[in-house]
Amino acid sequence: MTLYEYINENIDRIKVEIKMGLISTSIISGLEIYSRYKYYTIRDYKCSLSVLYTAQDFNVSNRWVYKIIKLMEQQHEIN
């Protein structure tokens, strides 16, 4: 299961844990950035253009978007 899939399945619990201070708020911003990237790729933009447009939308660097993509698509063993 990827981190993206895990977050989507457990979003309500994660939001509660963020409010409690157990999880960093950067998880939600990473989810938003990755979701926007997926939106552009579904619209048949090339990967590099999807990253560029996502970076512009969130005012972050292209490198940061690539790091988030890598993090969200990694396989995690979650018990």
Protein backbone atom coordinates (compact mmCIF):
# COMPACT_ATOMS: atom_id res chain seq x y z
CA MET A 1 0.00 0.00 0.00
CA THR A 2 1.37 3.42 -0.89
CA LEU A 3 1.37 6.30 1.55
CA TYR A 4 -1.15 8.11 -0.67
CA GLU A 5 -3.59 5.18 -0.51
CA TYR A 6 -3.14 4.88 3.25
CA ILE A 7 -3.83 8.56 3.84
CA ASN A 8 -6.92 8.49 1.62
CA GLU A 9 -8.34 5.47 3.45
CA ASN A 10 -7.66 6.92 6.91
CA ILE A 11 -8.10 10.66 6.35
CA ASP A 12 -10.56 11.18 9.21
CA ARG A 13 -8.29 9.50 11.76
CA ILE A 14 -5.27 11.38 10.45
CA LYS A 15 -7.08 14.72 10.78
CA VAL A 16 -7.87 13.91 14.42
CA GLU A 17 -4.26 12.97 15.09
CA ILE A 18 -3.09 16.21 13.47
CA LYS A 19 -5.38 18.18 15.80
CA MET A 20 -3.92 16.25 18.74
CA GLY A 21 -0.41 17.13 17.56
CA LEU A 22 0.67 13.56 16.87
CA ILE A 23 1.16 14.02 13.12
CA SER A 24 2.68 16.98 11.28
CA THR A 25 0.41 19.20 9.20
CA SER A 26 2.80 18.74 6.28
CA ILE A 27 1.06 15.42 5.58
CA ILE A 28 -2.07 17.28 4.45
CA SER A 29 -0.13 19.74 2.31
CA GLY A 30 1.78 16.84 0.75
CA LEU A 31 -1.53 15.10 0.04
CA GLU A 32 -2.88 18.25 -1.62
CA ILE A 33 0.23 18.66 -3.78
CA TYR A 34 0.21 15.02 -4.83
CA SER A 35 -3.52 15.15 -5.60
CA ARG A 36 -3.00 18.17 -7.84
CA TYR A 37 -0.13 16.38 -9.61
CA LYS A 38 -2.39 13.35 -10.18
CA TYR A 39 -5.09 15.68 -11.53
CA TYR A 40 -2.71 17.01 -14.17
CA THR A 41 -1.46 13.54 -15.11
CA ILE A 42 -5.03 12.30 -15.52
CA ARG A 43 -5.60 15.24 -17.88
CA ASP A 44 -2.84 13.69 -20.09
CA TYR A 45 -0.10 16.19 -19.31
CA LYS A 46 3.42 14.80 -19.36
CA CYS A 47 5.04 14.18 -15.99
CA SER A 48 7.37 17.18 -16.24
CA LEU A 49 4.53 19.53 -17.17
CA SER A 50 2.37 18.15 -14.38
CA VAL A 51 5.18 18.84 -11.92
CA LEU A 52 5.72 22.34 -13.31
CA TYR A 53 2.04 23.29 -13.10
CA THR A 54 1.71 21.80 -9.61
CA ALA A 55 4.77 23.71 -8.40
CA GLN A 56 3.33 26.93 -9.79
CA ASP A 57 -0.07 26.29 -8.19
CA PHE A 58 1.45 25.80 -4.74
CA ASN A 59 4.37 28.22 -5.12
CA VAL A 60 6.99 25.55 -4.38
CA SER A 61 9.98 24.30 -6.33
CA ASN A 62 9.80 21.53 -8.89
CA ARG A 63 12.26 19.54 -6.77
CA TRP A 64 9.89 19.68 -3.80
CA VAL A 65 7.05 18.30 -5.93
CA TYR A 66 9.29 15.45 -7.11
CA LYS A 67 10.17 14.64 -3.48
CA ILE A 68 6.50 14.52 -2.52
CA ILE A 69 5.69 12.29 -5.50
CA LYS A 70 8.46 9.90 -4.50
CA LEU A 71 7.27 9.84 -0.89
CA MET A 72 3.61 9.29 -1.77
CA GLU A 73 4.31 6.51 -4.28
CA GLN A 74 6.66 4.48 -2.07
CA GLN A 75 5.35 1.18 -0.80
CA HIS A 76 4.94 1.26 2.97
CA GLU A 77 4.27 -1.70 5.19
CA ILE A 78 1.56 -0.46 7.52
CA ASN A 79 0.21 -2.67 10.28
